Amino acid sequence: MAWILTKYLLTAAVVVLVSELAKRSDRLGGFVAALPLVTVLALIWLYVERQPAQKIADHAWYTFWYVVPTLPMFLAFPVLLPRLGFWATLLACVAITVVCFGLFAAVVRRFGIELL
């Protein structure tokens, strides 16, 4: 139980760090948020918990492919925010990401990469 609590606290600390940095500097907050900190932590947790190397490698592999269709959201958000407000923009960006993911998965399937 202590291990799970430690994982939660360290992972939450990353989110708090990013939000605190973003309050002080848009650029620095964006830079730190763009770093794959959650993925690095997940890889560390998998390794420390003695998961097979293939499982850890697969996690990194799929993370790469799942990041690509999220990128349009980061372009749409600042455009939609002044027009729709925060919550509607967030919902629209989730929808954009889901659509992009579906389209992206269909395209990469042709190259033998199964995401769904």
N, C-alpha and C. Protein backbone atom coordinates (compact mmCIF):
# COMPACT_ATOMS: atom_id res chain seq x y z
N MET A 1 0.83 -1.20 0.00
CA MET A 1 0.00 0.00 0.00
C MET A 1 0.87 1.26 0.00
N ALA A 2 1.98 1.22 0.73
CA ALA A 2 2.87 2.38 0.77
C ALA A 2 3.44 2.68 -0.61
N TRP A 3 3.71 1.61 -1.38
CA TRP A 3 4.25 1.80 -2.73
C TRP A 3 3.25 2.53 -3.62
N ILE A 4 2.00 2.13 -3.58
CA ILE A 4 0.96 2.79 -4.38
C ILE A 4 0.83 4.25 -3.97
N LEU A 5 0.84 4.52 -2.69
CA LEU A 5 0.75 5.89 -2.19
C LEU A 5 1.94 6.71 -2.67
N THR A 6 3.12 6.13 -2.64
CA THR A 6 4.32 6.82 -3.13
C THR A 6 4.18 7.16 -4.61
N LYS A 7 3.69 6.20 -5.39
CA LYS A 7 3.49 6.44 -6.82
C LYS A 7 2.50 7.58 -7.05
N TYR A 8 1.40 7.56 -6.31
CA TYR A 8 0.40 8.62 -6.45
C TYR A 8 1.00 9.98 -6.10
N LEU A 9 1.71 10.06 -5.00
CA LEU A 9 2.26 11.33 -4.55
C LEU A 9 3.29 11.89 -5.52
N LEU A 10 4.20 11.05 -6.00
CA LEU A 10 5.21 11.52 -6.96
C LEU A 10 4.58 11.94 -8.29
N THR A 11 3.64 11.16 -8.74
CA THR A 11 2.97 11.48 -10.01
C THR A 11 2.15 12.76 -9.87
N ALA A 12 1.45 12.91 -8.78
CA ALA A 12 0.67 14.13 -8.53
C ALA A 12 1.60 15.33 -8.41
N ALA A 13 2.76 15.15 -7.82
CA ALA A 13 3.72 16.24 -7.68
C ALA A 13 4.13 16.79 -9.05
N VAL A 14 4.22 15.92 -10.04
CA VAL A 14 4.56 16.37 -11.40
C VAL A 14 3.47 17.29 -11.93
N VAL A 15 2.22 16.91 -11.75
CA VAL A 15 1.10 17.73 -12.23
C VAL A 15 1.08 19.08 -11.51
N VAL A 16 1.27 19.06 -10.21
CA VAL A 16 1.29 20.31 -9.42
C VAL A 16 2.46 21.18 -9.88
N LEU A 17 3.63 20.59 -10.10
CA LEU A 17 4.80 21.34 -10.57
C LEU A 17 4.49 22.05 -11.89
N VAL A 18 3.90 21.33 -12.82
CA VAL A 18 3.59 21.92 -14.12
C VAL A 18 2.60 23.08 -13.97
N SER A 19 1.55 22.87 -13.18
CA SER A 19 0.56 23.94 -13.04
C SER A 19 1.14 25.16 -12.31
N GLU A 20 2.00 24.94 -11.34
CA GLU A 20 2.63 26.06 -10.64
C GLU A 20 3.60 26.80 -11.56
N LEU A 21 4.36 26.06 -12.34
CA LEU A 21 5.27 26.72 -13.29
C LEU A 21 4.48 27.51 -14.34
N ALA A 22 3.37 26.94 -14.80
CA ALA A 22 2.55 27.61 -15.82
C ALA A 22 1.97 28.92 -15.29
N LYS A 23 1.68 28.98 -13.99
CA LYS A 23 1.17 30.23 -13.40
C LYS A 23 2.22 31.33 -13.47
N ARG A 24 3.48 30.94 -13.37
CA ARG A 24 4.56 31.92 -13.34
C ARG A 24 5.10 32.25 -14.73
N SER A 25 5.10 31.25 -15.61
CA SER A 25 5.63 31.47 -16.95
C SER A 25 4.93 30.53 -17.93
N ASP A 26 4.24 31.12 -18.91
CA ASP A 26 3.56 30.31 -19.92
C ASP A 26 4.55 29.41 -20.65
N ARG A 27 5.67 29.99 -21.02
CA ARG A 27 6.67 29.23 -21.79
C ARG A 27 7.28 28.10 -20.97
N LEU A 28 7.68 28.39 -19.75
CA LEU A 28 8.29 27.37 -18.92
C LEU A 28 7.28 26.28 -18.57
N GLY A 29 6.06 26.68 -18.24
CA GLY A 29 5.02 25.70 -17.95
C GLY A 29 4.73 24.82 -19.14
N GLY A 30 4.66 25.42 -20.33
CA GLY A 30 4.43 24.65 -21.55
C GLY A 30 5.59 23.71 -21.85
N PHE A 31 6.81 24.21 -21.63
CA PHE A 31 7.99 23.38 -21.88
C PHE A 31 8.00 22.15 -20.97
N VAL A 32 7.78 22.37 -19.68
CA VAL A 32 7.80 21.25 -18.74
C VAL A 32 6.62 20.31 -19.00
N ALA A 33 5.46 20.86 -19.36
CA ALA A 33 4.30 20.02 -19.67
C ALA A 33 4.56 19.17 -20.92
N ALA A 34 5.34 19.70 -21.85
CA ALA A 34 5.63 18.97 -23.08
C ALA A 34 6.62 17.83 -22.87
N LEU A 35 7.38 17.92 -21.80
CA LEU A 35 8.31 16.83 -21.51
C LEU A 35 7.49 15.57 -21.18
N PRO A 36 7.96 14.44 -21.59
CA PRO A 36 7.18 13.21 -21.33
C PRO A 36 7.35 12.71 -19.90
N LEU A 37 7.09 13.58 -18.93
CA LEU A 37 7.32 13.24 -17.53
C LEU A 37 6.44 12.08 -17.05
N VAL A 38 5.18 12.09 -17.44
CA VAL A 38 4.28 11.02 -17.02
C VAL A 38 4.74 9.70 -17.64
N THR A 39 5.14 9.73 -18.89
CA THR A 39 5.63 8.51 -19.54
C THR A 39 6.91 8.02 -18.87
N VAL A 40 7.81 8.94 -18.57
CA VAL A 40 9.05 8.54 -17.90
C VAL A 40 8.74 7.92 -16.54
N LEU A 41 7.83 8.53 -15.79
CA LEU A 41 7.44 7.95 -14.51
C LEU A 41 6.81 6.57 -14.70
N ALA A 42 5.94 6.43 -15.69
CA ALA A 42 5.31 5.13 -15.94
C ALA A 42 6.36 4.08 -16.29
N LEU A 43 7.35 4.46 -17.11
CA LEU A 43 8.42 3.52 -17.46
C LEU A 43 9.22 3.13 -16.21
N ILE A 44 9.48 4.11 -15.36
CA ILE A 44 10.20 3.82 -14.11
C ILE A 44 9.37 2.88 -13.24
N TRP A 45 8.07 3.18 -13.08
CA TRP A 45 7.22 2.33 -12.25
C TRP A 45 7.19 0.90 -12.80
N LEU A 46 7.07 0.76 -14.12
CA LEU A 46 7.06 -0.59 -14.72
C LEU A 46 8.38 -1.31 -14.43
N TYR A 47 9.48 -0.61 -14.59
CA TYR A 47 10.79 -1.21 -14.36
C TYR A 47 10.98 -1.61 -12.89
N VAL A 48 10.66 -0.69 -11.99
CA VAL A 48 10.83 -0.96 -10.55
C VAL A 48 9.93 -2.14 -10.12
N GLU A 49 8.77 -2.25 -10.76
CA GLU A 49 7.86 -3.34 -10.43
C GLU A 49 8.18 -4.62 -11.21
N ARG A 50 9.36 -4.64 -11.81
CA ARG A 50 9.92 -5.83 -12.47
C ARG A 50 9.06 -6.37 -13.61
N GLN A 51 8.51 -5.45 -14.39
CA GLN A 51 7.78 -5.87 -15.57
C GLN A 51 8.78 -6.29 -16.64
N PRO A 52 8.39 -7.19 -17.53
CA PRO A 52 9.31 -7.63 -18.58
C PRO A 52 9.74 -6.46 -19.47
N ALA A 53 10.96 -6.55 -19.96
CA ALA A 53 11.49 -5.50 -20.84
C ALA A 53 10.58 -5.26 -22.04
N GLN A 54 10.01 -6.32 -22.58
CA GLN A 54 9.12 -6.16 -23.74
C GLN A 54 7.89 -5.34 -23.40
N LYS A 55 7.35 -5.52 -22.22
CA LYS A 55 6.18 -4.74 -21.78
C LYS A 55 6.55 -3.25 -21.67
N ILE A 56 7.72 -2.98 -21.13
CA ILE A 56 8.18 -1.60 -20.99
C ILE A 56 8.41 -0.98 -22.37
N ALA A 57 9.05 -1.73 -23.25
CA ALA A 57 9.29 -1.25 -24.61
C ALA A 57 7.97 -1.03 -25.35
N ASP A 58 7.01 -1.94 -25.19
CA ASP A 58 5.70 -1.78 -25.83
C ASP A 58 5.00 -0.52 -25.33
N HIS A 59 5.14 -0.23 -24.04
CA HIS A 59 4.52 0.98 -23.49
C HIS A 59 5.09 2.23 -24.19
N ALA A 60 6.39 2.29 -24.33
CA ALA A 60 7.01 3.43 -25.01
C ALA A 60 6.57 3.50 -26.47
N TRP A 61 6.52 2.35 -27.13
CA TRP A 61 6.12 2.28 -28.54
C TRP A 61 4.70 2.83 -28.74
N TYR A 62 3.75 2.33 -27.96
CA TYR A 62 2.36 2.77 -28.11
C TYR A 62 2.17 4.21 -27.65
N THR A 63 2.92 4.64 -26.66
CA THR A 63 2.82 6.04 -26.24
C THR A 63 3.17 6.96 -27.39
N PHE A 64 4.23 6.62 -28.13
CA PHE A 64 4.59 7.44 -29.30
C PHE A 64 3.41 7.56 -30.26
N TRP A 65 2.83 6.44 -30.62
CA TRP A 65 1.74 6.46 -31.61
C TRP A 65 0.49 7.13 -31.08
N TYR A 66 0.25 7.07 -29.78
CA TYR A 66 -0.93 7.71 -29.21
C TYR A 66 -0.75 9.22 -29.03
N VAL A 67 0.48 9.69 -28.98
CA VAL A 67 0.72 11.13 -28.84
C VAL A 67 0.42 11.86 -30.15
N VAL A 68 0.76 11.28 -31.25
CA VAL A 68 0.64 11.96 -32.55
C VAL A 68 -0.77 12.52 -32.79
N PRO A 69 -1.84 11.73 -32.62
CA PRO A 69 -3.17 12.30 -32.89
C PRO A 69 -3.67 13.29 -31.84
N THR A 70 -2.93 13.48 -30.75
CA THR A 70 -3.34 14.49 -29.77
C THR A 70 -2.83 15.89 -30.13
N LEU A 71 -1.87 15.95 -31.01
CA LEU A 71 -1.24 17.24 -31.32
C LEU A 71 -2.20 18.29 -31.89
N PRO A 72 -3.16 17.94 -32.77
CA PRO A 72 -4.09 18.98 -33.25
C PRO A 72 -4.86 19.67 -32.13
N MET A 73 -5.10 18.98 -31.02
CA MET A 73 -5.80 19.58 -29.90
C MET A 73 -5.07 20.83 -29.40
N PHE A 74 -3.75 20.75 -29.37
CA PHE A 74 -2.97 21.87 -28.84
C PHE A 74 -3.00 23.08 -29.78
N LEU A 75 -3.29 22.86 -31.05
CA LEU A 75 -3.47 23.97 -31.98
C LEU A 75 -4.90 24.52 -31.91
N ALA A 76 -5.87 23.62 -31.72
CA ALA A 76 -7.27 24.04 -31.69
C ALA A 76 -7.62 24.78 -30.40
N PHE A 77 -7.04 24.38 -29.29
CA PHE A 77 -7.42 24.95 -27.99
C PHE A 77 -7.29 26.47 -27.95
N PRO A 78 -6.13 27.05 -28.30
CA PRO A 78 -6.04 28.51 -28.21
C PRO A 78 -6.94 29.24 -29.21
N VAL A 79 -7.29 28.60 -30.30
CA VAL A 79 -8.19 29.22 -31.28
C VAL A 79 -9.63 29.19 -30.77
N LEU A 80 -10.03 28.08 -30.18
CA LEU A 80 -11.41 27.93 -29.73
C LEU A 80 -11.71 28.60 -28.39
N LEU A 81 -10.72 28.71 -27.53
CA LEU A 81 -10.95 29.23 -26.18
C LEU A 81 -11.65 30.59 -26.15
N PRO A 82 -11.20 31.58 -26.90
CA PRO A 82 -11.90 32.88 -26.81
C PRO A 82 -13.31 32.84 -27.43
N ARG A 83 -13.56 31.88 -28.29
CA ARG A 83 -14.86 31.79 -28.96
C ARG A 83 -15.89 30.98 -28.17
N LEU A 84 -15.41 29.90 -27.49
CA LEU A 84 -16.34 28.97 -26.86
C LEU A 84 -16.31 28.97 -25.34
N GLY A 85 -15.26 29.53 -24.75
CA GLY A 85 -15.09 29.42 -23.31
C GLY A 85 -14.34 28.14 -22.97
N PHE A 86 -13.95 28.04 -21.70
CA PHE A 86 -13.07 26.94 -21.31
C PHE A 86 -13.69 25.56 -21.47
N TRP A 87 -14.86 25.32 -20.86
CA TRP A 87 -15.42 23.97 -20.82
C TRP A 87 -15.83 23.49 -22.21
N ALA A 88 -16.44 24.36 -23.00
CA ALA A 88 -16.83 23.96 -24.35
C ALA A 88 -15.59 23.68 -25.21
N THR A 89 -14.56 24.50 -25.02
CA THR A 89 -13.31 24.28 -25.76
C THR A 89 -12.69 22.95 -25.36
N LEU A 90 -12.67 22.67 -24.07
CA LEU A 90 -12.11 21.40 -23.60
C LEU A 90 -12.88 20.22 -24.19
N LEU A 91 -14.19 20.30 -24.20
CA LEU A 91 -15.01 19.24 -24.77
C LEU A 91 -14.77 19.11 -26.27
N ALA A 92 -14.69 20.24 -26.97
CA ALA A 92 -14.42 20.21 -28.41
C ALA A 92 -13.05 19.59 -28.69
N CYS A 93 -12.08 19.91 -27.85
CA CYS A 93 -10.73 19.35 -28.05
C CYS A 93 -10.70 17.85 -27.79
N VAL A 94 -11.48 17.40 -26.84
CA VAL A 94 -11.59 15.95 -26.61
C VAL A 94 -12.19 15.29 -27.86
N ALA A 95 -13.24 15.90 -28.40
CA ALA A 95 -13.87 15.36 -29.60
C ALA A 95 -12.89 15.36 -30.78
N ILE A 96 -12.16 16.45 -30.94
CA ILE A 96 -11.16 16.54 -32.01
C ILE A 96 -10.13 15.43 -31.86
N THR A 97 -9.68 15.20 -30.63
CA THR A 97 -8.68 14.17 -30.38
C THR A 97 -9.23 12.78 -30.70
N VAL A 98 -10.47 12.52 -30.31
CA VAL A 98 -11.07 11.21 -30.59
C VAL A 98 -11.18 10.99 -32.10
N VAL A 99 -11.63 12.00 -32.83
CA VAL A 99 -11.74 11.89 -34.29
C VAL A 99 -10.36 11.70 -34.91
N CYS A 100 -9.40 12.51 -34.49
CA CYS A 100 -8.03 12.39 -35.02
C CYS A 100 -7.45 11.02 -34.72
N PHE A 101 -7.72 10.52 -33.52
CA PHE A 101 -7.20 9.20 -33.16
C PHE A 101 -7.80 8.13 -34.05
N GLY A 102 -9.11 8.17 -34.27
CA GLY A 102 -9.75 7.19 -35.15
C GLY A 102 -9.19 7.23 -36.56
N LEU A 103 -9.04 8.42 -37.09
CA LEU A 103 -8.48 8.57 -38.45
C LEU A 103 -7.03 8.10 -38.50
N PHE A 104 -6.27 8.49 -37.50
CA PHE A 104 -4.85 8.11 -37.44
C PHE A 104 -4.70 6.60 -37.33
N ALA A 105 -5.52 5.98 -36.48
CA ALA A 105 -5.46 4.52 -36.32
C ALA A 105 -5.77 3.82 -37.64
N ALA A 106 -6.72 4.35 -38.39
CA ALA A 106 -7.07 3.76 -39.69
C ALA A 106 -5.91 3.88 -40.67
N VAL A 107 -5.23 5.02 -40.65
CA VAL A 107 -4.09 5.23 -41.56
C VAL A 107 -2.92 4.32 -41.21
N VAL A 108 -2.53 4.28 -39.94
CA VAL A 108 -1.35 3.50 -39.57
C VAL A 108 -1.62 1.99 -39.64
N ARG A 109 -2.89 1.60 -39.58
CA ARG A 109 -3.23 0.17 -39.73
C ARG A 109 -2.74 -0.34 -41.09
N ARG A 110 -2.77 0.52 -42.08
CA ARG A 110 -2.31 0.14 -43.43
C ARG A 110 -0.82 -0.19 -43.45
N PHE A 111 -0.10 0.27 -42.43
CA PHE A 111 1.33 0.01 -42.32
C PHE A 111 1.63 -1.06 -41.26
N GLY A 112 0.59 -1.75 -40.83
CA GLY A 112 0.78 -2.85 -39.89
C GLY A 112 0.84 -2.45 -38.43
N ILE A 113 0.45 -1.23 -38.11
CA ILE A 113 0.45 -0.77 -36.72
C ILE A 113 -0.99 -0.76 -36.20
N GLU A 114 -1.26 -1.64 -35.27
CA GLU A 114 -2.62 -1.78 -34.71
C GLU A 114 -2.72 -0.99 -33.41
N LEU A 115 -3.50 0.07 -33.44
CA LEU A 115 -3.68 0.89 -32.24
C LEU A 115 -5.01 0.62 -31.54
N LEU A 116 -5.98 0.14 -32.27
CA LEU A 116 -7.30 -0.14 -31.66
C LEU A 116 -7.51 -1.63 -31.53
